[in-house]
Amino acid sequence: MKQLSTTEVKQLLESGKSLNLIDVREVDEVKEGKIPGVVNIPLGLLEARMHELDKSKEYIMVCRSGGRSGRATQFLESWGYQVINMSGGMLEWDGETE
């Protein structure tokens, strides 16, 4: 499983790179703060909503600490998606939030 640290993701965003970020936390958790531009698909809904994702794009999965996003990464990889887990999750995120 590919992983990026929160620092690496922040640096990519600050460099102007367009990233496809998927936050798999619950809606209530996301309301407390999210990375700007992130799409929220709670982990429990991921299987039902994975048709919304494009297999030709690469996605970075985000959660609170990196555990749920790790499970989401493994699940989507098993279906042929290009996915990276953001290790450390929002607990370690020190970049901009909305």
Protein backbone atom coordinates (compact mmCIF):
# COMPACT_ATOMS: atom_id res chain seq x y z
CA MET A 1 0.00 0.00 0.00
CA LYS A 2 1.35 3.39 -1.02
CA GLN A 3 1.44 6.04 1.69
CA LEU A 4 2.19 9.74 1.95
CA SER A 5 2.72 11.66 5.16
CA THR A 6 0.58 14.67 5.99
CA THR A 7 3.64 16.84 5.31
CA GLU A 8 4.06 15.35 1.82
CA VAL A 9 0.38 15.90 0.98
CA LYS A 10 0.56 19.48 2.28
CA GLN A 11 3.68 20.15 0.16
CA LEU A 12 1.95 18.79 -2.96
CA LEU A 13 -1.06 21.05 -2.37
CA GLU A 14 1.14 24.08 -1.68
CA SER A 15 3.06 23.46 -4.92
CA GLY A 16 -0.23 23.82 -6.80
CA LYS A 17 -0.62 20.14 -7.68
CA SER A 18 -4.22 19.14 -8.21
CA LEU A 19 -4.99 16.22 -5.90
CA ASN A 20 -8.04 13.98 -5.63
CA LEU A 21 -8.61 13.74 -1.88
CA ILE A 22 -11.27 11.45 -0.40
CA ASP A 23 -12.10 11.82 3.30
CA VAL A 24 -13.62 8.59 4.64
CA ARG A 25 -14.58 10.00 8.05
CA GLU A 26 -18.21 10.30 9.11
CA VAL A 27 -20.08 13.50 8.18
CA ASP A 28 -20.01 14.79 11.79
CA GLU A 29 -16.22 14.39 11.92
CA VAL A 30 -15.74 16.24 8.64
CA LYS A 31 -17.81 19.18 9.94
CA GLU A 32 -15.09 19.72 12.57
CA GLY A 33 -12.59 20.53 9.82
CA LYS A 34 -11.47 19.17 6.49
CA ILE A 35 -8.80 19.77 3.90
CA PRO A 36 -10.15 22.27 1.33
CA GLY A 37 -11.44 20.53 -1.79
CA VAL A 38 -11.73 17.09 -0.19
CA VAL A 39 -14.69 14.87 -1.13
CA ASN A 40 -16.38 13.13 1.80
CA ILE A 41 -17.34 9.49 1.27
CA PRO A 42 -17.74 7.82 4.68
CA LEU A 43 -16.00 4.43 4.84
CA GLY A 44 -19.31 2.61 5.33
CA LEU A 45 -20.61 4.05 2.05
CA LEU A 46 -17.44 3.56 0.01
CA GLU A 47 -18.47 0.30 -1.66
CA ALA A 48 -21.83 1.76 -2.71
CA ARG A 49 -20.24 4.98 -4.01
CA MET A 50 -17.00 3.73 -5.58
CA HIS A 51 -18.66 4.02 -9.01
CA GLU A 52 -18.25 7.81 -8.54
CA LEU A 53 -14.47 7.39 -8.74
CA ASP A 54 -12.46 7.24 -11.97
CA LYS A 55 -9.97 4.36 -12.23
CA SER A 56 -7.71 6.51 -14.43
CA LYS A 57 -7.17 9.00 -11.57
CA GLU A 58 -5.10 8.65 -8.43
CA TYR A 59 -6.80 9.24 -5.08
CA ILE A 60 -5.41 10.11 -1.66
CA MET A 61 -7.48 8.69 1.18
CA VAL A 62 -7.85 10.70 4.42
CA CYS A 63 -9.36 9.90 7.83
CA ARG A 64 -8.82 10.85 11.47
CA SER A 65 -5.63 8.88 12.16
CA GLY A 66 -4.84 6.80 9.05
CA GLY A 67 -6.55 3.54 10.00
CA ARG A 68 -9.86 3.85 8.15
CA SER A 69 -8.16 5.46 5.17
CA GLY A 70 -5.75 2.51 5.14
CA ARG A 71 -8.68 0.08 4.97
CA ALA A 72 -10.28 2.20 2.24
CA THR A 73 -6.99 2.19 0.31
CA GLN A 74 -6.70 -1.59 0.46
CA PHE A 75 -10.36 -2.04 -0.51
CA LEU A 76 -10.14 0.28 -3.54
CA GLU A 77 -6.80 -1.21 -4.62
CA SER A 78 -8.48 -4.62 -4.69
CA TRP A 79 -10.95 -3.19 -7.23
CA GLY A 80 -8.18 -1.75 -9.44
CA TYR A 81 -8.16 1.87 -8.27
CA GLN A 82 -4.96 3.91 -7.88
CA VAL A 83 -4.97 4.90 -4.23
CA ILE A 84 -2.57 6.33 -1.63
CA ASN A 85 -3.15 6.43 2.12
CA MET A 86 -2.39 9.67 3.98
CA SER A 87 -0.69 8.30 7.09
CA GLY A 88 -1.30 10.16 10.33
CA GLY A 89 -4.66 11.47 9.18
CA MET A 90 -6.24 14.70 10.31
CA LEU A 91 -4.70 14.31 13.78
CA GLU A 92 -1.32 15.11 12.21
CA TRP A 93 -2.59 17.57 9.56
CA ASP A 94 -1.25 21.07 10.17
CA GLY A 95 -2.27 22.58 6.85
CA GLU A 96 -5.27 24.67 5.93
CA THR A 97 -8.73 23.42 6.90
CA GLU A 98 -12.27 24.58 6.25
